[in-house]
């Protein structure tokens, strides 16, 4: 499970089943934020359980980038509502 390494930067959770498709954007984003790549909705849910306190931290902003449709390995099916599922995960934690 990726965890924040430093708390000097804001955090971007980049959720995509194929993050290698966005290497240039990932590299540019890392200049200004700690980027954590997650590849499934299940990983987002686990991350939120473990690090939910970070989303409440006043000095750190957490931003989320998610593809809308994602192939979920744990389900062995495409998830056509993956982006919505991620939003619901964050809404439940708030």
PDB file of N, CA and C in Angstrom:
ATOM      1  N   UNK A   1       0.848  -1.179   0.000  1.00  0.00           N
ATOM      2  CA  UNK A   1       0.000   0.000   0.000  1.00  0.00           C
ATOM      3  C   UNK A   1       0.892   1.241   0.000  1.00  0.00           C
ATOM      4  N   UNK A   2       0.788   2.093  -1.009  1.00  0.00           N
ATOM      5  CA  UNK A   2       1.608   3.301  -1.024  1.00  0.00           C
ATOM      6  C   UNK A   2       1.209   4.234   0.108  1.00  0.00           C
ATOM      7  N   UNK A   3       2.201   4.806   0.735  1.00  0.00           N
ATOM      8  CA  UNK A   3       1.926   5.749   1.814  1.00  0.00           C
ATOM      9  C   UNK A   3       2.653   7.056   1.527  1.00  0.00           C
ATOM     10  N   UNK A   4       2.165   8.152   2.087  1.00  0.00           N
ATOM     11  CA  UNK A   4       2.836   9.432   1.894  1.00  0.00           C
ATOM     12  C   UNK A   4       4.239   9.379   2.482  1.00  0.00           C
ATOM     13  N   UNK A   5       5.213   9.827   1.724  1.00  0.00           N
ATOM     14  CA  UNK A   5       6.596   9.801   2.191  1.00  0.00           C
ATOM     15  C   UNK A   5       6.914  11.062   2.966  1.00  0.00           C
ATOM     16  N   UNK A   6       6.491  12.197   2.445  1.00  0.00           N
ATOM     17  CA  UNK A   6       6.733  13.460   3.135  1.00  0.00           C
ATOM     18  C   UNK A   6       5.407  14.170   3.320  1.00  0.00           C
ATOM     19  N   UNK A   7       5.384  15.059   4.249  1.00  0.00           N
ATOM     20  CA  UNK A   7       4.196  15.872   4.448  1.00  0.00           C
ATOM     21  C   UNK A   7       4.493  17.324   4.123  1.00  0.00           C
ATOM     22  N   UNK A   8       5.546  17.540   3.331  1.00  0.00           N
ATOM     23  CA  UNK A   8       5.879  18.892   2.903  1.00  0.00           C
ATOM     24  C   UNK A   8       5.079  19.294   1.670  1.00  0.00           C
ATOM     25  N   UNK A   9       4.572  18.307   0.961  1.00  0.00           N
ATOM     26  CA  UNK A   9       3.844  18.551  -0.272  1.00  0.00           C
ATOM     27  C   UNK A   9       2.398  18.119  -0.119  1.00  0.00           C
ATOM     28  N   UNK A  10       1.565  18.629  -1.001  1.00  0.00           N
ATOM     29  CA  UNK A  10       0.198  18.135  -1.070  1.00  0.00           C
ATOM     30  C   UNK A  10       0.215  16.747  -1.691  1.00  0.00           C
ATOM     31  N   UNK A  11      -0.876  16.031  -1.574  1.00  0.00           N
ATOM     32  CA  UNK A  11      -0.945  14.646  -2.037  1.00  0.00           C
ATOM     33  C   UNK A  11      -1.925  14.545  -3.202  1.00  0.00           C
ATOM     34  N   UNK A  12      -1.508  13.837  -4.234  1.00  0.00           N
ATOM     35  CA  UNK A  12      -2.389  13.504  -5.348  1.00  0.00           C
ATOM     36  C   UNK A  12      -2.524  11.987  -5.387  1.00  0.00           C
ATOM     37  N   UNK A  13      -3.751  11.504  -5.258  1.00  0.00           N
ATOM     38  CA  UNK A  13      -4.023  10.083  -5.450  1.00  0.00           C
ATOM     39  C   UNK A  13      -4.396   9.900  -6.915  1.00  0.00           C
ATOM     40  N   UNK A  14      -3.564   9.197  -7.647  1.00  0.00           N
ATOM     41  CA  UNK A  14      -3.803   8.979  -9.076  1.00  0.00           C
ATOM     42  C   UNK A  14      -4.273   7.541  -9.233  1.00  0.00           C
ATOM     43  N   UNK A  15      -5.541   7.369  -9.592  1.00  0.00           N
ATOM     44  CA  UNK A  15      -6.133   6.041  -9.661  1.00  0.00           C
ATOM     45  C   UNK A  15      -6.387   5.691 -11.125  1.00  0.00           C
ATOM     46  N   UNK A  16      -5.674   4.684 -11.585  1.00  0.00           N
ATOM     47  CA  UNK A  16      -5.779   4.266 -12.978  1.00  0.00           C
ATOM     48  C   UNK A  16      -5.278   2.832 -13.083  1.00  0.00           C
ATOM     49  N   UNK A  17      -5.994   2.000 -13.819  1.00  0.00           N
ATOM     50  CA  UNK A  17      -5.552   0.614 -13.962  1.00  0.00           C
ATOM     51  C   UNK A  17      -4.303   0.503 -14.836  1.00  0.00           C
ATOM     52  N   UNK A  18      -3.983   1.546 -15.580  1.00  0.00           N
ATOM     53  CA  UNK A  18      -2.767   1.571 -16.406  1.00  0.00           C
ATOM     54  C   UNK A  18      -2.055   2.912 -16.235  1.00  0.00           C
ATOM     55  N   UNK A  19      -1.425   3.139 -15.085  1.00  0.00           N
ATOM     56  CA  UNK A  19      -0.771   4.430 -14.847  1.00  0.00           C
ATOM     57  C   UNK A  19       0.368   4.715 -15.826  1.00  0.00           C
ATOM     58  N   UNK A  20       0.908   3.688 -16.452  1.00  0.00           N
ATOM     59  CA  UNK A  20       1.991   3.893 -17.413  1.00  0.00           C
ATOM     60  C   UNK A  20       1.527   4.704 -18.618  1.00  0.00           C
ATOM     61  N   UNK A  21       0.233   4.800 -18.837  1.00  0.00           N
ATOM     62  CA  UNK A  21      -0.288   5.616 -19.937  1.00  0.00           C
ATOM     63  C   UNK A  21      -0.108   7.106 -19.699  1.00  0.00           C
ATOM     64  N   UNK A  22       0.228   7.478 -18.475  1.00  0.00           N
ATOM     65  CA  UNK A  22       0.295   8.890 -18.110  1.00  0.00           C
ATOM     66  C   UNK A  22       1.643   9.266 -17.501  1.00  0.00           C
ATOM     67  N   UNK A  23       2.719   8.618 -17.915  1.00  0.00           N
ATOM     68  CA  UNK A  23       4.022   8.843 -17.291  1.00  0.00           C
ATOM     69  C   UNK A  23       4.477  10.299 -17.358  1.00  0.00           C
ATOM     70  N   UNK A  24       4.258  10.953 -18.489  1.00  0.00           N
ATOM     71  CA  UNK A  24       4.674  12.354 -18.619  1.00  0.00           C
ATOM     72  C   UNK A  24       3.917  13.247 -17.630  1.00  0.00           C
ATOM     73  N   UNK A  25       2.605  13.055 -17.548  1.00  0.00           N
ATOM     74  CA  UNK A  25       1.806  13.846 -16.605  1.00  0.00           C
ATOM     75  C   UNK A  25       2.165  13.527 -15.160  1.00  0.00           C
ATOM     76  N   UNK A  26       2.405  12.251 -14.865  1.00  0.00           N
ATOM     77  CA  UNK A  26       2.803  11.865 -13.514  1.00  0.00           C
ATOM     78  C   UNK A  26       4.102  12.559 -13.116  1.00  0.00           C
ATOM     79  N   UNK A  27       5.062  12.576 -14.025  1.00  0.00           N
ATOM     80  CA  UNK A  27       6.354  13.195 -13.746  1.00  0.00           C
ATOM     81  C   UNK A  27       6.192  14.694 -13.477  1.00  0.00           C
ATOM     82  N   UNK A  28       5.369  15.371 -14.270  1.00  0.00           N
ATOM     83  CA  UNK A  28       5.140  16.800 -14.072  1.00  0.00           C
ATOM     84  C   UNK A  28       4.429  17.072 -12.752  1.00  0.00           C
ATOM     85  N   UNK A  29       3.473  16.239 -12.415  1.00  0.00           N
ATOM     86  CA  UNK A  29       2.706  16.429 -11.182  1.00  0.00           C
ATOM     87  C   UNK A  29       3.582  16.224  -9.956  1.00  0.00           C
ATOM     88  N   UNK A  30       4.536  15.296 -10.029  1.00  0.00           N
ATOM     89  CA  UNK A  30       5.414  15.000  -8.891  1.00  0.00           C
ATOM     90  C   UNK A  30       6.277  16.187  -8.485  1.00  0.00           C
ATOM     91  N   UNK A  31       6.437  17.162  -9.363  1.00  0.00           N
ATOM     92  CA  UNK A  31       7.225  18.350  -9.027  1.00  0.00           C
ATOM     93  C   UNK A  31       6.537  19.180  -7.947  1.00  0.00           C
ATOM     94  N   UNK A  32       5.222  19.120  -7.921  1.00  0.00           N
ATOM     95  CA  UNK A  32       4.455  19.970  -7.012  1.00  0.00           C
ATOM     96  C   UNK A  32       3.698  19.228  -5.920  1.00  0.00           C
ATOM     97  N   UNK A  33       3.697  17.906  -5.989  1.00  0.00           N
ATOM     98  CA  UNK A  33       2.910  17.134  -5.022  1.00  0.00           C
ATOM     99  C   UNK A  33       3.486  15.737  -4.880  1.00  0.00           C
ATOM    100  N   UNK A  34       3.149  15.120  -3.776  1.00  0.00           N
ATOM    101  CA  UNK A  34       3.461  13.707  -3.566  1.00  0.00           C
ATOM    102  C   UNK A  34       2.390  12.917  -4.307  1.00  0.00           C
ATOM    103  N   UNK A  35       2.786  12.159  -5.336  1.00  0.00           N
ATOM    104  CA  UNK A  35       1.825  11.417  -6.149  1.00  0.00           C
ATOM    105  C   UNK A  35       1.855   9.947  -5.753  1.00  0.00           C
ATOM    106  N   UNK A  36       0.684   9.435  -5.403  1.00  0.00           N
ATOM    107  CA  UNK A  36       0.550   8.026  -5.061  1.00  0.00           C
ATOM    108  C   UNK A  36      -0.343   7.389  -6.113  1.00  0.00           C
ATOM    109  N   UNK A  37       0.175   6.386  -6.793  1.00  0.00           N
ATOM    110  CA  UNK A  37      -0.626   5.725  -7.826  1.00  0.00           C
ATOM    111  C   UNK A  37      -1.264   4.470  -7.255  1.00  0.00           C
ATOM    112  N   UNK A  38      -2.561   4.378  -7.460  1.00  0.00           N
ATOM    113  CA  UNK A  38      -3.341   3.223  -7.050  1.00  0.00           C
ATOM    114  C   UNK A  38      -4.012   2.674  -8.302  1.00  0.00           C
ATOM    115  N   UNK A  39      -4.163   1.362  -8.387  1.00  0.00           N
ATOM    116  CA  UNK A  39      -4.658   0.778  -9.631  1.00  0.00           C
ATOM    117  C   UNK A  39      -6.059   0.178  -9.550  1.00  0.00           C
ATOM    118  N   UNK A  40      -6.718   0.302  -8.402  1.00  0.00           N
ATOM    119  CA  UNK A  40      -8.077  -0.249  -8.312  1.00  0.00           C
ATOM    120  C   UNK A  40      -8.882   0.493  -7.252  1.00  0.00           C
ATOM    121  N   UNK A  41     -10.177   0.380  -7.373  1.00  0.00           N
ATOM    122  CA  UNK A  41     -11.078   0.974  -6.382  1.00  0.00           C
ATOM    123  C   UNK A  41     -10.859   0.328  -5.022  1.00  0.00           C
ATOM    124  N   UNK A  42     -10.598  -0.963  -5.008  1.00  0.00           N
ATOM    125  CA  UNK A  42     -10.337  -1.675  -3.755  1.00  0.00           C
ATOM    126  C   UNK A  42      -9.105  -1.096  -3.050  1.00  0.00           C
ATOM    127  N   UNK A  43      -8.065  -0.745  -3.830  1.00  0.00           N
ATOM    128  CA  UNK A  43      -6.877  -0.127  -3.236  1.00  0.00           C
ATOM    129  C   UNK A  43      -7.205   1.239  -2.637  1.00  0.00           C
ATOM    130  N   UNK A  44      -8.080   1.999  -3.289  1.00  0.00           N
ATOM    131  CA  UNK A  44      -8.496   3.306  -2.759  1.00  0.00           C
ATOM    132  C   UNK A  44      -9.200   3.122  -1.420  1.00  0.00           C
ATOM    133  N   UNK A  45     -10.097   2.152  -1.356  1.00  0.00           N
ATOM    134  CA  UNK A  45     -10.819   1.897  -0.110  1.00  0.00           C
ATOM    135  C   UNK A  45      -9.856   1.516   1.015  1.00  0.00           C
ATOM    136  N   UNK A  46      -8.876   0.672   0.711  1.00  0.00           N
ATOM    137  CA  UNK A  46      -7.888   0.273   1.715  1.00  0.00           C
ATOM    138  C   UNK A  46      -7.029   1.464   2.128  1.00  0.00           C
ATOM    139  N   UNK A  47      -6.641   2.287   1.170  1.00  0.00           N
ATOM    140  CA  UNK A  47      -5.823   3.472   1.471  1.00  0.00           C
ATOM    141  C   UNK A  47      -6.590   4.414   2.390  1.00  0.00           C
ATOM    142  N   UNK A  48      -7.876   4.619   2.077  1.00  0.00           N
ATOM    143  CA  UNK A  48      -8.692   5.521   2.896  1.00  0.00           C
ATOM    144  C   UNK A  48      -8.845   4.997   4.317  1.00  0.00           C
ATOM    145  N   UNK A  49      -8.970   3.691   4.493  1.00  0.00           N
ATOM    146  CA  UNK A  49      -9.078   3.135   5.846  1.00  0.00           C
ATOM    147  C   UNK A  49      -7.805   3.389   6.640  1.00  0.00           C
ATOM    148  N   UNK A  50      -6.668   3.210   5.985  1.00  0.00           N
ATOM    149  CA  UNK A  50      -5.393   3.345   6.686  1.00  0.00           C
ATOM    150  C   UNK A  50      -4.964   4.795   6.884  1.00  0.00           C
ATOM    151  N   UNK A  51      -5.237   5.645   5.900  1.00  0.00           N
ATOM    152  CA  UNK A  51      -4.716   7.011   5.934  1.00  0.00           C
ATOM    153  C   UNK A  51      -5.801   8.079   5.922  1.00  0.00           C
ATOM    154  N   UNK A  52      -6.987   7.753   6.385  1.00  0.00           N
ATOM    155  CA  UNK A  52      -8.090   8.716   6.380  1.00  0.00           C
ATOM    156  C   UNK A  52      -7.736   9.989   7.142  1.00  0.00           C
ATOM    157  N   UNK A  53      -6.935   9.866   8.185  1.00  0.00           N
ATOM    158  CA  UNK A  53      -6.573  11.027   8.991  1.00  0.00           C
ATOM    159  C   UNK A  53      -5.842  12.085   8.162  1.00  0.00           C
ATOM    160  N   UNK A  54      -5.170  11.650   7.086  1.00  0.00           N
ATOM    161  CA  UNK A  54      -4.457  12.613   6.242  1.00  0.00           C
ATOM    162  C   UNK A  54      -5.439  13.530   5.534  1.00  0.00           C
ATOM    163  N   UNK A  55      -6.600  12.995   5.145  1.00  0.00           N
ATOM    164  CA  UNK A  55      -7.586  13.810   4.438  1.00  0.00           C
ATOM    165  C   UNK A  55      -8.172  14.893   5.341  1.00  0.00           C
ATOM    166  N   UNK A  56      -7.991  14.760   6.627  1.00  0.00           N
ATOM    167  CA  UNK A  56      -8.497  15.750   7.579  1.00  0.00           C
ATOM    168  C   UNK A  56      -7.431  16.764   7.998  1.00  0.00           C
ATOM    169  N   UNK A  57      -6.190  16.513   7.626  1.00  0.00           N
ATOM    170  CA  UNK A  57      -5.088  17.348   8.062  1.00  0.00           C
ATOM    171  C   UNK A  57      -5.186  18.725   7.409  1.00  0.00           C
ATOM    172  N   UNK A  58      -5.144  19.754   8.215  1.00  0.00           N
ATOM    173  CA  UNK A  58      -5.376  21.116   7.750  1.00  0.00           C
ATOM    174  C   UNK A  58      -4.336  21.575   6.730  1.00  0.00           C
ATOM    175  N   UNK A  59      -3.069  21.276   6.958  1.00  0.00           N
ATOM    176  CA  UNK A  59      -2.002  21.807   6.118  1.00  0.00           C
ATOM    177  C   UNK A  59      -1.753  21.029   4.832  1.00  0.00           C
ATOM    178  N   UNK A  60      -2.388  19.893   4.669  1.00  0.00           N
ATOM    179  CA  UNK A  60      -2.157  19.047   3.499  1.00  0.00           C
ATOM    180  C   UNK A  60      -3.447  18.934   2.697  1.00  0.00           C
ATOM    181  N   UNK A  61      -3.343  19.167   1.402  1.00  0.00           N
ATOM    182  CA  UNK A  61      -4.492  18.986   0.525  1.00  0.00           C
ATOM    183  C   UNK A  61      -4.346  17.659  -0.211  1.00  0.00           C
ATOM    184  N   UNK A  62      -5.429  16.921  -0.295  1.00  0.00           N
ATOM    185  CA  UNK A  62      -5.450  15.660  -1.032  1.00  0.00           C
ATOM    186  C   UNK A  62      -6.332  15.858  -2.254  1.00  0.00           C
ATOM    187  N   UNK A  63      -5.750  15.617  -3.408  1.00  0.00           N
ATOM    188  CA  UNK A  63      -6.482  15.704  -4.670  1.00  0.00           C
ATOM    189  C   UNK A  63      -6.559  14.310  -5.275  1.00  0.00           C
ATOM    190  N   UNK A  64      -7.591  14.066  -6.042  1.00  0.00           N
ATOM    191  CA  UNK A  64      -7.796  12.745  -6.637  1.00  0.00           C
ATOM    192  C   UNK A  64      -7.957  12.887  -8.149  1.00  0.00           C
ATOM    193  N   UNK A  65      -7.230  12.061  -8.868  1.00  0.00           N
ATOM    194  CA  UNK A  65      -7.401  11.932 -10.315  1.00  0.00           C
ATOM    195  C   UNK A  65      -7.771  10.473 -10.555  1.00  0.00           C
ATOM    196  N   UNK A  66      -8.885  10.258 -11.213  1.00  0.00           N
ATOM    197  CA  UNK A  66      -9.335   8.882 -11.435  1.00  0.00           C
ATOM    198  C   UNK A  66      -9.886   8.736 -12.846  1.00  0.00           C
ATOM    199  N   UNK A  67      -9.583   7.599 -13.452  1.00  0.00           N
ATOM    200  CA  UNK A  67     -10.258   7.310 -14.703  1.00  0.00           C
ATOM    201  C   UNK A  67     -11.696   6.921 -14.379  1.00  0.00           C
ATOM    202  N   UNK A  68     -12.587   7.134 -15.315  1.00  0.00           N
ATOM    203  CA  UNK A  68     -13.990   6.859 -15.063  1.00  0.00           C
ATOM    204  C   UNK A  68     -14.297   5.373 -15.190  1.00  0.00           C
ATOM    205  N   UNK A  69     -13.698   4.714 -16.173  1.00  0.00           N
ATOM    206  CA  UNK A  69     -13.899   3.288 -16.386  1.00  0.00           C
ATOM    207  C   UNK A  69     -12.571   2.598 -16.150  1.00  0.00           C
ATOM    208  N   UNK A  70     -12.594   1.552 -15.337  1.00  0.00           N
ATOM    209  CA  UNK A  70     -11.346   0.885 -14.971  1.00  0.00           C
ATOM    210  C   UNK A  70     -11.573  -0.622 -14.934  1.00  0.00           C
ATOM    211  N   UNK A  71     -10.593  -1.358 -15.419  1.00  0.00           N
ATOM    212  CA  UNK A  71     -10.631  -2.814 -15.309  1.00  0.00           C
ATOM    213  C   UNK A  71     -10.194  -3.173 -13.897  1.00  0.00           C
ATOM    214  N   UNK A  72     -11.080  -3.740 -13.121  1.00  0.00           N
ATOM    215  CA  UNK A  72     -10.799  -4.090 -11.735  1.00  0.00           C
ATOM    216  C   UNK A  72     -10.323  -5.538 -11.677  1.00  0.00           C
ATOM    217  N   UNK A  73      -9.061  -5.740 -11.378  1.00  0.00           N
ATOM    218  CA  UNK A  73      -8.469  -7.076 -11.365  1.00  0.00           C
ATOM    219  C   UNK A  73      -9.158  -7.975 -10.349  1.00  0.00           C
ATOM    220  N   UNK A  74      -9.484  -7.425  -9.179  1.00  0.00           N
ATOM    221  CA  UNK A  74     -10.112  -8.251  -8.144  1.00  0.00           C
ATOM    222  C   UNK A  74     -11.498  -8.748  -8.559  1.00  0.00           C
ATOM    223  N   UNK A  75     -12.169  -8.028  -9.428  1.00  0.00           N
ATOM    224  CA  UNK A  75     -13.485  -8.450  -9.924  1.00  0.00           C
ATOM    225  C   UNK A  75     -13.369  -9.207 -11.245  1.00  0.00           C
ATOM    226  N   UNK A  76     -12.228  -9.045 -11.911  1.00  0.00           N
ATOM    227  CA  UNK A  76     -11.988  -9.636 -13.225  1.00  0.00           C
ATOM    228  C   UNK A  76     -13.010  -9.146 -14.251  1.00  0.00           C
ATOM    229  N   UNK A  77     -13.451  -7.887 -14.061  1.00  0.00           N
ATOM    230  CA  UNK A  77     -14.443  -7.268 -14.940  1.00  0.00           C
ATOM    231  C   UNK A  77     -14.143  -5.779 -15.080  1.00  0.00           C
ATOM    232  N   UNK A  78     -14.616  -5.165 -16.148  1.00  0.00           N
ATOM    233  CA  UNK A  78     -14.521  -3.705 -16.214  1.00  0.00           C
ATOM    234  C   UNK A  78     -15.537  -3.078 -15.257  1.00  0.00           C
ATOM    235  N   UNK A  79     -15.137  -2.005 -14.633  1.00  0.00           N
ATOM    236  CA  UNK A  79     -16.030  -1.262 -13.752  1.00  0.00           C
ATOM    237  C   UNK A  79     -16.350   0.052 -14.452  1.00  0.00           C
ATOM    238  N   UNK A  80     -17.566   0.169 -14.965  1.00  0.00           N
ATOM    239  CA  UNK A  80     -17.959   1.343 -15.728  1.00  0.00           C
ATOM    240  C   UNK A  80     -18.293   2.538 -14.836  1.00  0.00           C
ATOM    241  N   UNK A  81     -18.273   2.337 -13.525  1.00  0.00           N
ATOM    242  CA  UNK A  81     -18.563   3.403 -12.572  1.00  0.00           C
ATOM    243  C   UNK A  81     -17.407   3.610 -11.596  1.00  0.00           C
ATOM    244  N   UNK A  82     -16.201   3.269 -12.019  1.00  0.00           N
ATOM    245  CA  UNK A  82     -15.038   3.333 -11.126  1.00  0.00           C
ATOM    246  C   UNK A  82     -14.826   4.735 -10.562  1.00  0.00           C
ATOM    247  N   UNK A  83     -14.939   5.746 -11.387  1.00  0.00           N
ATOM    248  CA  UNK A  83     -14.768   7.124 -10.914  1.00  0.00           C
ATOM    249  C   UNK A  83     -15.811   7.501  -9.875  1.00  0.00           C
ATOM    250  N   UNK A  84     -17.037   7.080 -10.091  1.00  0.00           N
ATOM    251  CA  UNK A  84     -18.116   7.344  -9.135  1.00  0.00           C
ATOM    252  C   UNK A  84     -17.861   6.590  -7.832  1.00  0.00           C
ATOM    253  N   UNK A  85     -17.387   5.348  -7.943  1.00  0.00           N
ATOM    254  CA  UNK A  85     -17.066   4.559  -6.747  1.00  0.00           C
ATOM    255  C   UNK A  85     -16.011   5.259  -5.890  1.00  0.00           C
ATOM    256  N   UNK A  86     -15.020   5.855  -6.536  1.00  0.00           N
ATOM    257  CA  UNK A  86     -13.971   6.574  -5.796  1.00  0.00           C
ATOM    258  C   UNK A  86     -14.569   7.782  -5.086  1.00  0.00           C
ATOM    259  N   UNK A  87     -15.430   8.538  -5.771  1.00  0.00           N
ATOM    260  CA  UNK A  87     -16.087   9.684  -5.141  1.00  0.00           C
ATOM    261  C   UNK A  87     -16.911   9.255  -3.934  1.00  0.00           C
ATOM    262  N   UNK A  88     -17.614   8.147  -4.061  1.00  0.00           N
ATOM    263  CA  UNK A  88     -18.417   7.642  -2.937  1.00  0.00           C
ATOM    264  C   UNK A  88     -17.534   7.249  -1.766  1.00  0.00           C
ATOM    265  N   UNK A  89     -16.366   6.669  -2.041  1.00  0.00           N
ATOM    266  CA  UNK A  89     -15.434   6.303  -0.977  1.00  0.00           C
ATOM    267  C   UNK A  89     -15.019   7.538  -0.199  1.00  0.00           C
ATOM    268  N   UNK A  90     -14.705   8.620  -0.892  1.00  0.00           N
ATOM    269  CA  UNK A  90     -14.306   9.857  -0.216  1.00  0.00           C
ATOM    270  C   UNK A  90     -15.481  10.517   0.494  1.00  0.00           C
ATOM    271  N   UNK A  91     -16.662  10.429  -0.082  1.00  0.00           N
ATOM    272  CA  UNK A  91     -17.844  11.020   0.557  1.00  0.00           C
ATOM    273  C   UNK A  91     -18.156  10.312   1.875  1.00  0.00           C
ATOM    274  N   UNK A  92     -18.009   9.001   1.908  1.00  0.00           N
ATOM    275  CA  UNK A  92     -18.266   8.234   3.121  1.00  0.00           C
ATOM    276  C   UNK A  92     -17.267   8.575   4.220  1.00  0.00           C
ATOM    277  N   UNK A  93     -16.043   8.929   3.833  1.00  0.00           N
ATOM    278  CA  UNK A  93     -15.011   9.203   4.834  1.00  0.00           C
ATOM    279  C   UNK A  93     -15.142  10.609   5.403  1.00  0.00           C
ATOM    280  N   UNK A  94     -15.855  11.474   4.695  1.00  0.00           N
ATOM    281  CA  UNK A  94     -15.938  12.863   5.090  1.00  0.00           C
ATOM    282  C   UNK A  94     -16.962  13.097   6.098  1.00  0.00           C
TER     283      UNK A  94
END
